[in-house]
Amino acid sequence: MKDNRIGERGFTLVELLVVLVILGLLVGVVGPKVVGYLGGAKSKTARVQVEQLAAALDLYLVDMGHYPSGEDGLAALVEAPMDAEFWNGPYLNKKQLPLDPWGNAFHYVIPGQDKEYDLYTLGADNAEGGEGQNADIYR
């Protein structure tokens, strides 16, 4: 049997190392930008979600004459509370409460510090404070 690979040659170890170094440099330069865009996208998504929940709370207010109690919480947007005579929900498209982009529940506190209620997510770190992706997002 004759070997048909005459004249063909593979890559040397040095050539492969050069390619790996170039790829490493590209990842080092482009990688942080991509991660930054992904983090920014999650923060923007969380802002949109907070606004959607706030709009649903306003619809609840129109029907019920008050915002959900602290005990009922955001769950009142998808399931009628016990004393909900005029409840016309669910007030969200899905029959379950959404989680923030980092997989955590949104926080709803009534009465709020400066408004009738506080609605927020704690960001990527799920802890108060922070900057960038870890920043809290309030309505």
C-alpha atoms as a PDB file:
ATOM      1  CA  MET A   1       0.000   0.000   0.000  1.00  0.00           C
ATOM      2  CA  LYS A   2       1.334   3.383  -0.994  1.00  0.00           C
ATOM      3  CA  ASP A   3       1.347   6.419   1.342  1.00  0.00           C
ATOM      4  CA  ASN A   4      -0.535   9.299  -0.353  1.00  0.00           C
ATOM      5  CA  ARG A   5       0.767  11.920   2.109  1.00  0.00           C
ATOM      6  CA  ILE A   6       4.098  12.470   0.365  1.00  0.00           C
ATOM      7  CA  GLY A   7       4.896  16.148   0.195  1.00  0.00           C
ATOM      8  CA  GLU A   8       2.372  17.031   2.940  1.00  0.00           C
ATOM      9  CA  ARG A   9       3.646  18.277   6.217  1.00  0.00           C
ATOM     10  CA  GLY A  10       2.036  19.174   9.515  1.00  0.00           C
ATOM     11  CA  PHE A  11       2.483  22.211  11.709  1.00  0.00           C
ATOM     12  CA  THR A  12       5.523  22.460  13.919  1.00  0.00           C
ATOM     13  CA  LEU A  13       5.245  23.010  17.641  1.00  0.00           C
ATOM     14  CA  VAL A  14       6.600  26.552  17.234  1.00  0.00           C
ATOM     15  CA  GLU A  15       3.902  27.419  14.664  1.00  0.00           C
ATOM     16  CA  LEU A  16       1.183  26.101  16.959  1.00  0.00           C
ATOM     17  CA  LEU A  17       2.574  28.093  19.897  1.00  0.00           C
ATOM     18  CA  VAL A  18       2.628  31.283  17.797  1.00  0.00           C
ATOM     19  CA  VAL A  19      -1.034  30.783  16.876  1.00  0.00           C
ATOM     20  CA  LEU A  20      -1.949  30.144  20.527  1.00  0.00           C
ATOM     21  CA  VAL A  21      -0.137  33.321  21.625  1.00  0.00           C
ATOM     22  CA  ILE A  22      -1.991  35.360  18.983  1.00  0.00           C
ATOM     23  CA  LEU A  23      -5.332  33.890  20.073  1.00  0.00           C
ATOM     24  CA  GLY A  24      -4.474  34.614  23.701  1.00  0.00           C
ATOM     25  CA  LEU A  25      -3.707  38.239  22.869  1.00  0.00           C
ATOM     26  CA  LEU A  26      -6.992  38.598  20.997  1.00  0.00           C
ATOM     27  CA  VAL A  27      -8.950  37.152  23.895  1.00  0.00           C
ATOM     28  CA  GLY A  28      -7.113  39.478  26.284  1.00  0.00           C
ATOM     29  CA  VAL A  29      -8.012  42.532  24.232  1.00  0.00           C
ATOM     30  CA  VAL A  30     -11.533  41.626  23.066  1.00  0.00           C
ATOM     31  CA  GLY A  31     -12.667  39.450  25.997  1.00  0.00           C
ATOM     32  CA  PRO A  32     -13.170  42.205  28.590  1.00  0.00           C
ATOM     33  CA  LYS A  33     -15.218  44.231  26.091  1.00  0.00           C
ATOM     34  CA  VAL A  34     -17.508  41.279  25.428  1.00  0.00           C
ATOM     35  CA  VAL A  35     -17.924  40.597  29.152  1.00  0.00           C
ATOM     36  CA  GLY A  36     -18.662  44.291  29.697  1.00  0.00           C
ATOM     37  CA  TYR A  37     -21.358  44.245  27.032  1.00  0.00           C
ATOM     38  CA  LEU A  38     -22.934  41.132  28.545  1.00  0.00           C
ATOM     39  CA  GLY A  39     -22.937  42.687  32.015  1.00  0.00           C
ATOM     40  CA  GLY A  40     -24.416  45.899  30.647  1.00  0.00           C
ATOM     41  CA  ALA A  41     -27.109  43.943  28.831  1.00  0.00           C
ATOM     42  CA  LYS A  42     -28.138  42.190  32.033  1.00  0.00           C
ATOM     43  CA  SER A  43     -28.360  45.508  33.877  1.00  0.00           C
ATOM     44  CA  LYS A  44     -30.494  46.976  31.089  1.00  0.00           C
ATOM     45  CA  THR A  45     -32.711  43.898  31.130  1.00  0.00           C
ATOM     46  CA  ALA A  46     -33.154  44.276  34.898  1.00  0.00           C
ATOM     47  CA  ARG A  47     -34.194  47.926  34.429  1.00  0.00           C
ATOM     48  CA  VAL A  48     -36.799  46.900  31.866  1.00  0.00           C
ATOM     49  CA  GLN A  49     -38.090  44.151  34.157  1.00  0.00           C
ATOM     50  CA  VAL A  50     -38.396  46.574  37.088  1.00  0.00           C
ATOM     51  CA  GLU A  51     -40.386  48.962  34.891  1.00  0.00           C
ATOM     52  CA  GLN A  52     -42.659  46.126  33.708  1.00  0.00           C
ATOM     53  CA  LEU A  53     -43.316  45.063  37.293  1.00  0.00           C
ATOM     54  CA  ALA A  54     -44.045  48.692  38.217  1.00  0.00           C
ATOM     55  CA  ALA A  55     -46.549  48.939  35.348  1.00  0.00           C
ATOM     56  CA  ALA A  56     -48.217  45.732  36.554  1.00  0.00           C
ATOM     57  CA  LEU A  57     -48.382  47.191  40.071  1.00  0.00           C
ATOM     58  CA  ASP A  58     -50.079  50.294  38.649  1.00  0.00           C
ATOM     59  CA  LEU A  59     -52.695  48.101  36.917  1.00  0.00           C
ATOM     60  CA  TYR A  60     -53.258  46.315  40.210  1.00  0.00           C
ATOM     61  CA  LEU A  61     -53.731  49.721  41.872  1.00  0.00           C
ATOM     62  CA  VAL A  62     -56.345  50.725  39.292  1.00  0.00           C
ATOM     63  CA  ASP A  63     -58.367  47.540  39.883  1.00  0.00           C
ATOM     64  CA  MET A  64     -57.943  47.157  43.616  1.00  0.00           C
ATOM     65  CA  GLY A  65     -57.601  50.769  44.807  1.00  0.00           C
ATOM     66  CA  HIS A  66     -54.304  50.023  46.587  1.00  0.00           C
ATOM     67  CA  TYR A  67     -50.957  48.358  45.954  1.00  0.00           C
ATOM     68  CA  PRO A  68     -50.404  44.781  47.152  1.00  0.00           C
ATOM     69  CA  SER A  69     -49.638  44.507  50.831  1.00  0.00           C
ATOM     70  CA  GLY A  70     -46.181  43.576  51.994  1.00  0.00           C
ATOM     71  CA  GLU A  71     -47.566  40.186  52.983  1.00  0.00           C
ATOM     72  CA  ASP A  72     -49.067  39.529  49.537  1.00  0.00           C
ATOM     73  CA  GLY A  73     -46.037  41.009  47.784  1.00  0.00           C
ATOM     74  CA  LEU A  74     -45.469  40.702  44.050  1.00  0.00           C
ATOM     75  CA  ALA A  75     -47.222  37.326  44.070  1.00  0.00           C
ATOM     76  CA  ALA A  76     -50.502  39.318  44.044  1.00  0.00           C
ATOM     77  CA  LEU A  77     -49.707  40.199  40.427  1.00  0.00           C
ATOM     78  CA  VAL A  78     -50.079  36.586  39.290  1.00  0.00           C
ATOM     79  CA  GLU A  79     -52.435  35.092  41.861  1.00  0.00           C
ATOM     80  CA  ALA A  80     -55.428  36.735  43.521  1.00  0.00           C
ATOM     81  CA  PRO A  81     -54.988  37.504  47.214  1.00  0.00           C
ATOM     82  CA  MET A  82     -57.649  36.215  49.610  1.00  0.00           C
ATOM     83  CA  ASP A  83     -59.458  39.579  49.919  1.00  0.00           C
ATOM     84  CA  ALA A  84     -59.219  40.502  46.213  1.00  0.00           C
ATOM     85  CA  GLU A  85     -62.793  41.311  45.231  1.00  0.00           C
ATOM     86  CA  PHE A  86     -61.892  43.404  42.168  1.00  0.00           C
ATOM     87  CA  TRP A  87     -58.709  41.555  41.154  1.00  0.00           C
ATOM     88  CA  ASN A  88     -58.584  41.348  37.361  1.00  0.00           C
ATOM     89  CA  GLY A  89     -55.254  39.607  36.899  1.00  0.00           C
ATOM     90  CA  PRO A  90     -52.917  38.103  36.303  1.00  0.00           C
ATOM     91  CA  TYR A  91     -51.148  41.383  35.624  1.00  0.00           C
ATOM     92  CA  LEU A  92     -48.091  39.767  34.062  1.00  0.00           C
ATOM     93  CA  ASN A  93     -47.936  37.840  30.790  1.00  0.00           C
ATOM     94  CA  LYS A  94     -46.561  34.760  32.501  1.00  0.00           C
ATOM     95  CA  LYS A  95     -48.307  33.033  35.348  1.00  0.00           C
ATOM     96  CA  GLN A  96     -45.183  33.207  37.498  1.00  0.00           C
ATOM     97  CA  LEU A  97     -43.038  36.023  38.808  1.00  0.00           C
ATOM     98  CA  PRO A  98     -39.895  36.692  36.798  1.00  0.00           C
ATOM     99  CA  LEU A  99     -36.460  36.486  38.351  1.00  0.00           C
ATOM    100  CA  ASP A 100     -33.878  39.159  37.694  1.00  0.00           C
ATOM    101  CA  PRO A 101     -31.222  38.390  35.048  1.00  0.00           C
ATOM    102  CA  TRP A 102     -28.965  36.926  37.740  1.00  0.00           C
ATOM    103  CA  GLY A 103     -31.605  34.461  38.947  1.00  0.00           C
ATOM    104  CA  ASN A 104     -32.690  36.341  42.079  1.00  0.00           C
ATOM    105  CA  ALA A 105     -36.143  37.498  43.156  1.00  0.00           C
ATOM    106  CA  PHE A 106     -37.105  41.152  42.872  1.00  0.00           C
ATOM    107  CA  HIS A 107     -37.632  43.015  46.141  1.00  0.00           C
ATOM    108  CA  TYR A 108     -40.925  44.766  46.931  1.00  0.00           C
ATOM    109  CA  VAL A 109     -41.280  46.821  50.106  1.00  0.00           C
ATOM    110  CA  ILE A 110     -44.405  48.755  51.053  1.00  0.00           C
ATOM    111  CA  PRO A 111     -44.379  51.446  52.266  1.00  0.00           C
ATOM    112  CA  GLY A 112     -41.234  52.561  50.504  1.00  0.00           C
ATOM    113  CA  GLN A 113     -38.634  54.966  51.842  1.00  0.00           C
ATOM    114  CA  ASP A 114     -39.521  57.862  49.541  1.00  0.00           C
ATOM    115  CA  LYS A 115     -42.473  56.492  47.537  1.00  0.00           C
ATOM    116  CA  GLU A 116     -45.514  54.365  48.131  1.00  0.00           C
ATOM    117  CA  TYR A 117     -43.392  51.272  47.519  1.00  0.00           C
ATOM    118  CA  ASP A 118     -39.796  50.298  46.731  1.00  0.00           C
ATOM    119  CA  LEU A 119     -39.191  47.886  43.886  1.00  0.00           C
ATOM    120  CA  TYR A 120     -35.621  46.828  43.163  1.00  0.00           C
ATOM    121  CA  THR A 121     -33.045  44.190  42.411  1.00  0.00           C
ATOM    122  CA  LEU A 122     -29.654  44.008  44.110  1.00  0.00           C
ATOM    123  CA  GLY A 123     -27.652  43.363  40.933  1.00  0.00           C
ATOM    124  CA  ALA A 124     -25.210  40.582  40.120  1.00  0.00           C
ATOM    125  CA  ASP A 125     -23.792  40.299  43.644  1.00  0.00           C
ATOM    126  CA  ASN A 126     -27.273  40.153  45.267  1.00  0.00           C
ATOM    127  CA  ALA A 127     -25.998  42.475  47.994  1.00  0.00           C
ATOM    128  CA  GLU A 128     -26.807  46.100  48.757  1.00  0.00           C
ATOM    129  CA  GLY A 129     -24.680  48.723  47.068  1.00  0.00           C
ATOM    130  CA  GLY A 130     -22.128  48.038  44.394  1.00  0.00           C
ATOM    131  CA  GLU A 131     -21.122  49.443  41.043  1.00  0.00           C
ATOM    132  CA  GLY A 132     -21.431  48.290  37.454  1.00  0.00           C
ATOM    133  CA  GLN A 133     -23.145  44.901  37.287  1.00  0.00           C
ATOM    134  CA  ASN A 134     -23.339  44.806  41.077  1.00  0.00           C
ATOM    135  CA  ALA A 135     -25.272  48.084  41.308  1.00  0.00           C
ATOM    136  CA  ASP A 136     -28.757  47.995  42.788  1.00  0.00           C
ATOM    137  CA  ILE A 137     -31.524  48.884  40.350  1.00  0.00           C
ATOM    138  CA  TYR A 138     -34.458  50.763  41.889  1.00  0.00           C
ATOM    139  CA  ARG A 139     -37.693  52.168  40.574  1.00  0.00           C
END
